[in-house]
C-alpha cells in the first residue's frame, strides 16, 4: 500500500487551510497514495478562543469537506483532527476521523490523552478546552488493511498503541507536535512505537511558526515494523510518500514474536 502524510502550517483561517490541504492531498493521490493522513487541527489552528469559535458538529464543514475530497479522489483519508462539539452540546472533543473512498465516515476517534504541560514555548492546558475521549479505535481501509488511530500526546502512552497493535497493521498519529520537543523526542517515540508493536507507524505533524506565536516541529515520518524510517519530511510544508510492505511486517512478527510472547502480570506494582 502506498501512503502519504501531509505536513501543513495551519492558521485560524479555515478556508485557506482547507484549500492548501486539498491541493496537497490531490498531489498525494496523483502520486499513487491510497491512504493519506492530515495533521492535527489542519482546518483551524489557533489560541483557545479561536479553537472554541471553530467548534463544529461531526457533520460540520471539516468532515463534509473530507468526505467530498475522499470520494472525489477514491482514497482513504485520515482527516487530521478538528474541534468537535459534543453531540450533547456540553463540551468539546479533539476528534480525528477516517473517511473511505466512497466518502463514508468509517471511524471517529476522540483524543484520549490531553496535553497539559509547561514546556517552554508550548505551555498548554488542553483539558481546560477539551474532554477526554474514552475509546481506542481501529478502522479498516478499503483494501482491508487495519489502521489504529491516535492524536499527538497519545504517542507518550505506549499502552494505547499496544492495545491497537493487536488489531492493526498501521498505527497513525496526527499531531501539531511542539517544536521544542520534536528534535529530541519525536523520532525516538515514533520508532519505539513501531518496533515494540511491529507495526507501520505514521506520524503526521504540522510544521513551522504559526500566526499566533506557537511553533510546530514537523518532520512527519513513516516508520516500518523494524523501526526503519521509510520517509521523513523536511522542515517545510509539503508531503511524504512511502510504500508499505506487509510481507516484511509478517516476517518481523514471526521472527521476533513480541506480541505473542507477552506475559500478563499477576498484579500491578504498588
C-alpha atoms as a PDB file:
ATOM      1  CA  UNK A   1       0.000   0.000   0.000  1.00  0.00           C
ATOM      2  CA  UNK A   2       1.265   3.479  -0.836  1.00  0.00           C
ATOM      3  CA  UNK A   3       0.636   6.047   1.899  1.00  0.00           C
ATOM      4  CA  UNK A   4       1.214   9.783   2.208  1.00  0.00           C
ATOM      5  CA  UNK A   5       1.486  12.281   5.049  1.00  0.00           C
ATOM      6  CA  UNK A   6       0.541  15.925   4.544  1.00  0.00           C
ATOM      7  CA  UNK A   7       2.678  18.385   6.536  1.00  0.00           C
ATOM      8  CA  UNK A   8       0.997  21.774   6.979  1.00  0.00           C
ATOM      9  CA  UNK A   9       1.309  25.123   8.721  1.00  0.00           C
ATOM     10  CA  UNK A  10      -2.302  25.859   9.587  1.00  0.00           C
ATOM     11  CA  UNK A  11      -3.747  29.181  10.716  1.00  0.00           C
ATOM     12  CA  UNK A  12      -7.106  30.313  12.055  1.00  0.00           C
ATOM     13  CA  UNK A  13      -8.453  30.701   8.503  1.00  0.00           C
ATOM     14  CA  UNK A  14     -10.434  27.554   7.690  1.00  0.00           C
ATOM     15  CA  UNK A  15     -10.994  28.414   4.038  1.00  0.00           C
ATOM     16  CA  UNK A  16      -7.281  28.920   3.355  1.00  0.00           C
ATOM     17  CA  UNK A  17      -6.269  25.834   5.333  1.00  0.00           C
ATOM     18  CA  UNK A  18      -8.721  23.558   3.538  1.00  0.00           C
ATOM     19  CA  UNK A  19      -7.616  24.910   0.170  1.00  0.00           C
ATOM     20  CA  UNK A  20      -3.968  24.185   1.000  1.00  0.00           C
ATOM     21  CA  UNK A  21      -4.808  20.750   2.390  1.00  0.00           C
ATOM     22  CA  UNK A  22      -6.880  19.876  -0.660  1.00  0.00           C
ATOM     23  CA  UNK A  23      -4.072  20.803  -3.030  1.00  0.00           C
ATOM     24  CA  UNK A  24      -1.579  18.555  -1.245  1.00  0.00           C
ATOM     25  CA  UNK A  25      -3.995  15.651  -0.825  1.00  0.00           C
ATOM     26  CA  UNK A  26      -4.651  15.760  -4.579  1.00  0.00           C
ATOM     27  CA  UNK A  27      -0.904  15.728  -5.214  1.00  0.00           C
ATOM     28  CA  UNK A  28      -0.555  12.696  -2.947  1.00  0.00           C
ATOM     29  CA  UNK A  29      -3.329  10.889  -4.813  1.00  0.00           C
ATOM     30  CA  UNK A  30      -1.678  11.771  -8.131  1.00  0.00           C
ATOM     31  CA  UNK A  31       1.480  10.116  -6.793  1.00  0.00           C
ATOM     32  CA  UNK A  32      -0.431   6.923  -6.136  1.00  0.00           C
ATOM     33  CA  UNK A  33      -1.172   7.188  -2.407  1.00  0.00           C
ATOM     34  CA  UNK A  34      -4.237   5.172  -1.371  1.00  0.00           C
ATOM     35  CA  UNK A  35      -4.148   6.185   2.310  1.00  0.00           C
ATOM     36  CA  UNK A  36      -3.483   9.844   3.128  1.00  0.00           C
ATOM     37  CA  UNK A  37      -3.237  11.489   6.556  1.00  0.00           C
ATOM     38  CA  UNK A  38      -3.571  15.152   7.520  1.00  0.00           C
ATOM     39  CA  UNK A  39      -2.185  16.693  10.741  1.00  0.00           C
ATOM     40  CA  UNK A  40      -3.952  17.643  13.954  1.00  0.00           C
ATOM     41  CA  UNK A  41      -6.081  20.808  13.658  1.00  0.00           C
ATOM     42  CA  UNK A  42      -5.377  21.063   9.934  1.00  0.00           C
ATOM     43  CA  UNK A  43      -8.579  23.045   9.323  1.00  0.00           C
ATOM     44  CA  UNK A  44      -8.240  25.640  12.069  1.00  0.00           C
ATOM     45  CA  UNK A  45      -5.329  26.135  14.475  1.00  0.00           C
ATOM     46  CA  UNK A  46      -5.023  28.986  16.938  1.00  0.00           C
ATOM     47  CA  UNK A  47      -5.243  30.017  20.593  1.00  0.00           C
ATOM     48  CA  UNK A  48      -8.075  28.720  22.791  1.00  0.00           C
ATOM     49  CA  UNK A  49     -10.572  31.440  21.864  1.00  0.00           C
ATOM     50  CA  UNK A  50     -10.102  30.689  18.152  1.00  0.00           C
ATOM     51  CA  UNK A  51     -10.475  26.967  18.749  1.00  0.00           C
ATOM     52  CA  UNK A  52     -13.694  27.453  20.715  1.00  0.00           C
ATOM     53  CA  UNK A  53     -15.119  29.509  17.876  1.00  0.00           C
ATOM     54  CA  UNK A  54     -14.083  26.791  15.408  1.00  0.00           C
ATOM     55  CA  UNK A  55     -16.196  24.105  17.116  1.00  0.00           C
ATOM     56  CA  UNK A  56     -18.496  22.165  14.836  1.00  0.00           C
ATOM     57  CA  UNK A  57     -20.597  19.003  14.875  1.00  0.00           C
ATOM     58  CA  UNK A  58     -19.461  15.733  13.358  1.00  0.00           C
ATOM     59  CA  UNK A  59     -21.419  16.575  10.194  1.00  0.00           C
ATOM     60  CA  UNK A  60     -19.963  20.093  10.034  1.00  0.00           C
ATOM     61  CA  UNK A  61     -17.771  21.743   7.384  1.00  0.00           C
ATOM     62  CA  UNK A  62     -14.495  19.892   8.109  1.00  0.00           C
ATOM     63  CA  UNK A  63     -15.856  16.354   7.908  1.00  0.00           C
ATOM     64  CA  UNK A  64     -18.105  17.290   4.975  1.00  0.00           C
ATOM     65  CA  UNK A  65     -15.048  18.620   3.138  1.00  0.00           C
ATOM     66  CA  UNK A  66     -13.130  15.418   3.899  1.00  0.00           C
ATOM     67  CA  UNK A  67     -15.966  13.208   2.693  1.00  0.00           C
ATOM     68  CA  UNK A  68     -16.250  15.064  -0.604  1.00  0.00           C
ATOM     69  CA  UNK A  69     -12.497  15.011  -1.212  1.00  0.00           C
ATOM     70  CA  UNK A  70     -12.039  11.324  -0.356  1.00  0.00           C
ATOM     71  CA  UNK A  71     -14.908  10.383  -2.669  1.00  0.00           C
ATOM     72  CA  UNK A  72     -13.563  12.581  -5.472  1.00  0.00           C
ATOM     73  CA  UNK A  73     -10.094  11.011  -5.277  1.00  0.00           C
ATOM     74  CA  UNK A  74     -11.122   7.482  -4.301  1.00  0.00           C
ATOM     75  CA  UNK A  75      -8.771   7.354  -1.286  1.00  0.00           C
ATOM     76  CA  UNK A  76      -8.858   6.527   2.392  1.00  0.00           C
ATOM     77  CA  UNK A  77      -8.388   9.831   4.217  1.00  0.00           C
ATOM     78  CA  UNK A  78      -7.371  10.147   7.867  1.00  0.00           C
ATOM     79  CA  UNK A  79      -8.676  13.631   8.315  1.00  0.00           C
ATOM     80  CA  UNK A  80      -6.294  15.004  10.913  1.00  0.00           C
ATOM     81  CA  UNK A  81      -8.326  16.389  13.770  1.00  0.00           C
ATOM     82  CA  UNK A  82     -10.805  19.194  14.421  1.00  0.00           C
ATOM     83  CA  UNK A  83     -12.721  20.742  17.317  1.00  0.00           C
ATOM     84  CA  UNK A  84     -15.867  18.660  17.620  1.00  0.00           C
ATOM     85  CA  UNK A  85     -18.846  19.973  19.554  1.00  0.00           C
ATOM     86  CA  UNK A  86     -20.065  17.093  21.674  1.00  0.00           C
ATOM     87  CA  UNK A  87     -23.372  15.642  20.500  1.00  0.00           C
ATOM     88  CA  UNK A  88     -24.949  16.639  23.833  1.00  0.00           C
ATOM     89  CA  UNK A  89     -23.656  20.205  23.404  1.00  0.00           C
ATOM     90  CA  UNK A  90     -21.922  20.095  26.797  1.00  0.00           C
ATOM     91  CA  UNK A  91     -18.273  20.153  25.743  1.00  0.00           C
ATOM     92  CA  UNK A  92     -15.652  19.701  23.046  1.00  0.00           C
ATOM     93  CA  UNK A  93     -13.521  16.861  21.719  1.00  0.00           C
ATOM     94  CA  UNK A  94     -10.290  16.839  19.718  1.00  0.00           C
ATOM     95  CA  UNK A  95     -11.549  14.463  17.049  1.00  0.00           C
ATOM     96  CA  UNK A  96      -9.936  12.555  14.183  1.00  0.00           C
ATOM     97  CA  UNK A  97     -11.954  10.737  11.515  1.00  0.00           C
ATOM     98  CA  UNK A  98     -11.378   8.167   8.790  1.00  0.00           C
ATOM     99  CA  UNK A  99     -13.305   8.682   5.556  1.00  0.00           C
ATOM    100  CA  UNK A 100     -13.276   5.902   2.974  1.00  0.00           C
ATOM    101  CA  UNK A 101     -13.073   6.128  -0.854  1.00  0.00           C
ATOM    102  CA  UNK A 102     -16.865   6.282  -1.120  1.00  0.00           C
ATOM    103  CA  UNK A 103     -16.926   9.317   1.129  1.00  0.00           C
ATOM    104  CA  UNK A 104     -18.439   7.356   4.002  1.00  0.00           C
ATOM    105  CA  UNK A 105     -17.446   8.138   7.556  1.00  0.00           C
ATOM    106  CA  UNK A 106     -15.719   4.910   8.580  1.00  0.00           C
ATOM    107  CA  UNK A 107     -14.386   5.749  12.073  1.00  0.00           C
ATOM    108  CA  UNK A 108     -14.309   8.503  14.708  1.00  0.00           C
ATOM    109  CA  UNK A 109     -11.545   8.781  17.316  1.00  0.00           C
ATOM    110  CA  UNK A 110     -11.709  11.309  20.155  1.00  0.00           C
ATOM    111  CA  UNK A 111      -8.309  12.076  21.675  1.00  0.00           C
ATOM    112  CA  UNK A 112      -7.846  10.225  24.937  1.00  0.00           C
ATOM    113  CA  UNK A 113      -4.697  11.836  26.368  1.00  0.00           C
ATOM    114  CA  UNK A 114      -4.938  15.624  26.666  1.00  0.00           C
ATOM    115  CA  UNK A 115      -1.770  17.707  26.631  1.00  0.00           C
ATOM    116  CA  UNK A 116      -1.325  19.556  29.932  1.00  0.00           C
ATOM    117  CA  UNK A 117       2.302  20.672  30.043  1.00  0.00           C
ATOM    118  CA  UNK A 118       4.588  23.595  30.844  1.00  0.00           C
ATOM    119  CA  UNK A 119       7.246  23.001  28.206  1.00  0.00           C
ATOM    120  CA  UNK A 120       8.901  26.331  27.270  1.00  0.00           C
ATOM    121  CA  UNK A 121       7.224  27.675  24.155  1.00  0.00           C
ATOM    122  CA  UNK A 122       4.364  25.188  24.398  1.00  0.00           C
ATOM    123  CA  UNK A 123       2.628  25.882  27.711  1.00  0.00           C
ATOM    124  CA  UNK A 124      -0.726  24.194  27.293  1.00  0.00           C
ATOM    125  CA  UNK A 125      -3.674  23.022  29.360  1.00  0.00           C
ATOM    126  CA  UNK A 126      -5.674  21.128  26.781  1.00  0.00           C
ATOM    127  CA  UNK A 127      -8.018  19.693  29.403  1.00  0.00           C
ATOM    128  CA  UNK A 128      -9.355  23.194  30.028  1.00  0.00           C
ATOM    129  CA  UNK A 129     -10.726  23.188  26.489  1.00  0.00           C
ATOM    130  CA  UNK A 130     -11.441  19.538  25.633  1.00  0.00           C
ATOM    131  CA  UNK A 131     -12.994  16.487  27.223  1.00  0.00           C
ATOM    132  CA  UNK A 132     -11.098  13.201  27.214  1.00  0.00           C
ATOM    133  CA  UNK A 133     -12.142  10.551  24.734  1.00  0.00           C
ATOM    134  CA  UNK A 134     -12.536   7.100  26.243  1.00  0.00           C
ATOM    135  CA  UNK A 135     -12.357   4.635  23.341  1.00  0.00           C
ATOM    136  CA  UNK A 136      -9.412   3.248  21.372  1.00  0.00           C
ATOM    137  CA  UNK A 137     -10.306   2.983  17.695  1.00  0.00           C
ATOM    138  CA  UNK A 138      -9.185   0.631  14.931  1.00  0.00           C
ATOM    139  CA  UNK A 139     -10.616   1.155  11.473  1.00  0.00           C
ATOM    140  CA  UNK A 140     -10.292  -0.665   8.148  1.00  0.00           C
ATOM    141  CA  UNK A 141      -9.151   0.802   4.835  1.00  0.00           C
ATOM    142  CA  UNK A 142     -10.919  -0.033   1.597  1.00  0.00           C
ATOM    143  CA  UNK A 143      -8.434  -2.834   0.810  1.00  0.00           C
ATOM    144  CA  UNK A 144      -8.942  -4.448   4.215  1.00  0.00           C
ATOM    145  CA  UNK A 145      -5.821  -3.057   5.922  1.00  0.00           C
ATOM    146  CA  UNK A 146      -6.416  -2.342   9.600  1.00  0.00           C
ATOM    147  CA  UNK A 147      -5.451   1.070  10.973  1.00  0.00           C
ATOM    148  CA  UNK A 148      -5.222   2.312  14.577  1.00  0.00           C
ATOM    149  CA  UNK A 149      -5.947   5.999  15.190  1.00  0.00           C
ATOM    150  CA  UNK A 150      -4.276   8.377  17.657  1.00  0.00           C
ATOM    151  CA  UNK A 151      -3.588  12.080  18.165  1.00  0.00           C
ATOM    152  CA  UNK A 152      -0.394  13.891  19.218  1.00  0.00           C
ATOM    153  CA  UNK A 153       0.167  13.480  23.014  1.00  0.00           C
ATOM    154  CA  UNK A 154      -1.155   9.907  22.781  1.00  0.00           C
ATOM    155  CA  UNK A 155       2.301   8.888  21.488  1.00  0.00           C
ATOM    156  CA  UNK A 156       3.711   9.113  25.030  1.00  0.00           C
ATOM    157  CA  UNK A 157       1.386   6.375  26.280  1.00  0.00           C
ATOM    158  CA  UNK A 158       2.608   3.032  24.903  1.00  0.00           C
ATOM    159  CA  UNK A 159      -0.273   1.085  26.432  1.00  0.00           C
ATOM    160  CA  UNK A 160      -2.655   2.652  23.912  1.00  0.00           C
ATOM    161  CA  UNK A 161      -0.525   1.514  20.979  1.00  0.00           C
ATOM    162  CA  UNK A 162      -0.110  -1.966  22.416  1.00  0.00           C
ATOM    163  CA  UNK A 163      -3.905  -2.223  22.597  1.00  0.00           C
ATOM    164  CA  UNK A 164      -4.197  -1.027  18.987  1.00  0.00           C
ATOM    165  CA  UNK A 165      -1.368  -3.228  17.679  1.00  0.00           C
ATOM    166  CA  UNK A 166      -3.214  -6.430  18.461  1.00  0.00           C
ATOM    167  CA  UNK A 167      -5.743  -5.429  15.818  1.00  0.00           C
ATOM    168  CA  UNK A 168      -3.935  -3.054  13.427  1.00  0.00           C
ATOM    169  CA  UNK A 169      -1.143  -3.255  10.838  1.00  0.00           C
ATOM    170  CA  UNK A 170      -0.765   0.526  10.633  1.00  0.00           C
ATOM    171  CA  UNK A 171      -0.696   2.996  13.533  1.00  0.00           C
ATOM    172  CA  UNK A 172      -1.430   6.604  12.595  1.00  0.00           C
ATOM    173  CA  UNK A 173      -0.689   9.595  14.807  1.00  0.00           C
ATOM    174  CA  UNK A 174      -1.802  13.052  13.679  1.00  0.00           C
ATOM    175  CA  UNK A 175      -0.154  15.924  15.533  1.00  0.00           C
ATOM    176  CA  UNK A 176       0.813  19.531  15.983  1.00  0.00           C
ATOM    177  CA  UNK A 177       3.889  18.429  17.943  1.00  0.00           C
ATOM    178  CA  UNK A 178       5.695  21.288  19.717  1.00  0.00           C
ATOM    179  CA  UNK A 179       8.942  22.329  18.068  1.00  0.00           C
ATOM    180  CA  UNK A 180      10.692  22.315  21.454  1.00  0.00           C
ATOM    181  CA  UNK A 181      10.244  18.543  21.855  1.00  0.00           C
ATOM    182  CA  UNK A 182      10.287  17.407  18.233  1.00  0.00           C
ATOM    183  CA  UNK A 183      14.063  17.217  17.808  1.00  0.00           C
ATOM    184  CA  UNK A 184      14.683  15.155  20.947  1.00  0.00           C
ATOM    185  CA  UNK A 185      11.514  13.088  21.334  1.00  0.00           C
ATOM    186  CA  UNK A 186       9.543  12.765  18.098  1.00  0.00           C
ATOM    187  CA  UNK A 187      11.717  10.326  16.086  1.00  0.00           C
ATOM    188  CA  UNK A 188      12.508   8.197  19.136  1.00  0.00           C
ATOM    189  CA  UNK A 189       8.864   7.867  20.155  1.00  0.00           C
ATOM    190  CA  UNK A 190       7.674   7.023  16.655  1.00  0.00           C
ATOM    191  CA  UNK A 191      10.386   4.423  16.087  1.00  0.00           C
ATOM    192  CA  UNK A 192       9.818   2.920  19.533  1.00  0.00           C
ATOM    193  CA  UNK A 193       6.081   2.509  18.933  1.00  0.00           C
ATOM    194  CA  UNK A 194       6.862   0.904  15.558  1.00  0.00           C
ATOM    195  CA  UNK A 195       9.465  -1.508  16.940  1.00  0.00           C
ATOM    196  CA  UNK A 196       7.660  -2.624  20.087  1.00  0.00           C
ATOM    197  CA  UNK A 197       4.371  -3.170  18.237  1.00  0.00           C
ATOM    198  CA  UNK A 198       5.901  -4.393  14.951  1.00  0.00           C
ATOM    199  CA  UNK A 199       3.584  -2.058  13.090  1.00  0.00           C
ATOM    200  CA  UNK A 200       3.958   0.637  10.481  1.00  0.00           C
ATOM    201  CA  UNK A 201       3.977   3.935  12.372  1.00  0.00           C
ATOM    202  CA  UNK A 202       2.805   7.064  10.537  1.00  0.00           C
ATOM    203  CA  UNK A 203       3.425  10.347  12.353  1.00  0.00           C
ATOM    204  CA  UNK A 204       1.900  13.359  10.585  1.00  0.00           C
ATOM    205  CA  UNK A 205       2.594  16.784  12.101  1.00  0.00           C
ATOM    206  CA  UNK A 206       2.239  20.467  11.466  1.00  0.00           C
ATOM    207  CA  UNK A 207       5.414  22.471  10.899  1.00  0.00           C
ATOM    208  CA  UNK A 208       6.814  25.947  11.464  1.00  0.00           C
ATOM    209  CA  UNK A 209       5.789  29.127  13.274  1.00  0.00           C
ATOM    210  CA  UNK A 210       2.049  29.686  13.396  1.00  0.00           C
ATOM    211  CA  UNK A 211       0.484  33.123  13.217  1.00  0.00           C
ATOM    212  CA  UNK A 212      -0.346  33.187  16.952  1.00  0.00           C
ATOM    213  CA  UNK A 213       3.119  32.506  18.369  1.00  0.00           C
ATOM    214  CA  UNK A 214       3.203  28.686  18.621  1.00  0.00           C
ATOM    215  CA  UNK A 215       5.662  26.613  16.559  1.00  0.00           C
ATOM    216  CA  UNK A 216       5.292  23.004  15.422  1.00  0.00           C
ATOM    217  CA  UNK A 217       8.250  20.726  14.753  1.00  0.00           C
ATOM    218  CA  UNK A 218       7.297  18.994  11.521  1.00  0.00           C
ATOM    219  CA  UNK A 219       9.468  16.015  10.495  1.00  0.00           C
ATOM    220  CA  UNK A 220       6.453  13.915   9.572  1.00  0.00           C
ATOM    221  CA  UNK A 221       7.712  10.363   9.403  1.00  0.00           C
ATOM    222  CA  UNK A 222       6.811   6.875   8.165  1.00  0.00           C
ATOM    223  CA  UNK A 223       8.493   4.011  10.044  1.00  0.00           C
ATOM    224  CA  UNK A 224       8.379   0.309   9.241  1.00  0.00           C
ATOM    225  CA  UNK A 225       7.877  -2.518  11.786  1.00  0.00           C
ATOM    226  CA  UNK A 226      11.658  -2.937  12.124  1.00  0.00           C
ATOM    227  CA  UNK A 227      11.966   0.715  13.150  1.00  0.00           C
ATOM    228  CA  UNK A 228      13.494   1.875   9.880  1.00  0.00           C
ATOM    229  CA  UNK A 229      12.470   5.312   8.633  1.00  0.00           C
ATOM    230  CA  UNK A 230      10.972   4.887   5.175  1.00  0.00           C
ATOM    231  CA  UNK A 231      10.324   8.589   4.624  1.00  0.00           C
ATOM    232  CA  UNK A 232      10.701  11.840   6.536  1.00  0.00           C
ATOM    233  CA  UNK A 233       9.543  15.326   5.628  1.00  0.00           C
ATOM    234  CA  UNK A 234      11.829  18.322   5.537  1.00  0.00           C
ATOM    235  CA  UNK A 235      11.206  21.242   7.885  1.00  0.00           C
ATOM    236  CA  UNK A 236       8.794  22.799   5.404  1.00  0.00           C
ATOM    237  CA  UNK A 237       5.208  22.454   4.258  1.00  0.00           C
ATOM    238  CA  UNK A 238       4.855  19.501   1.912  1.00  0.00           C
ATOM    239  CA  UNK A 239       4.194  15.786   1.775  1.00  0.00           C
ATOM    240  CA  UNK A 240       5.997  12.470   2.018  1.00  0.00           C
ATOM    241  CA  UNK A 241       5.096   9.184   0.344  1.00  0.00           C
ATOM    242  CA  UNK A 242       6.166   5.592   1.055  1.00  0.00           C
ATOM    243  CA  UNK A 243       5.172   2.054   0.094  1.00  0.00           C
ATOM    244  CA  UNK A 244       4.315  -0.331   2.938  1.00  0.00           C
ATOM    245  CA  UNK A 245       5.442  -3.946   2.585  1.00  0.00           C
ATOM    246  CA  UNK A 246       3.092  -6.125   4.631  1.00  0.00           C
ATOM    247  CA  UNK A 247       5.087  -9.264   3.822  1.00  0.00           C
ATOM    248  CA  UNK A 248       8.002  -7.640   5.657  1.00  0.00           C
ATOM    249  CA  UNK A 249       5.704  -6.959   8.599  1.00  0.00           C
ATOM    250  CA  UNK A 250       4.594 -10.594   8.674  1.00  0.00           C
ATOM    251  CA  UNK A 251       8.249 -11.665   8.665  1.00  0.00           C
ATOM    252  CA  UNK A 252       9.098  -9.288  11.543  1.00  0.00           C
ATOM    253  CA  UNK A 253       6.198 -10.526  13.658  1.00  0.00           C
ATOM    254  CA  UNK A 254       7.261 -14.131  13.098  1.00  0.00           C
ATOM    255  CA  UNK A 255      10.997 -13.590  13.575  1.00  0.00           C
ATOM    256  CA  UNK A 256      10.550 -11.601  16.817  1.00  0.00           C
ATOM    257  CA  UNK A 257       7.110 -12.571  18.146  1.00  0.00           C
ATOM    258  CA  UNK A 258       6.782  -9.661  20.580  1.00  0.00           C
ATOM    259  CA  UNK A 259       3.016  -9.658  20.647  1.00  0.00           C
ATOM    260  CA  UNK A 260       2.693 -13.417  21.000  1.00  0.00           C
ATOM    261  CA  UNK A 261       5.403 -13.599  23.718  1.00  0.00           C
ATOM    262  CA  UNK A 262       3.778 -11.130  26.111  1.00  0.00           C
ATOM    263  CA  UNK A 263       3.051 -12.395  29.629  1.00  0.00           C
ATOM    264  CA  UNK A 264       0.337 -10.889  31.835  1.00  0.00           C
ATOM    265  CA  UNK A 265       1.339  -9.632  35.274  1.00  0.00           C
ATOM    266  CA  UNK A 266      -0.463 -11.057  38.293  1.00  0.00           C
ATOM    267  CA  UNK A 267      -0.982  -7.666  39.911  1.00  0.00           C
ATOM    268  CA  UNK A 268       0.084  -4.058  39.452  1.00  0.00           C
ATOM    269  CA  UNK A 269       3.110  -2.748  41.325  1.00  0.00           C
ATOM    270  CA  UNK A 270       2.198  -0.583  44.318  1.00  0.00           C
END
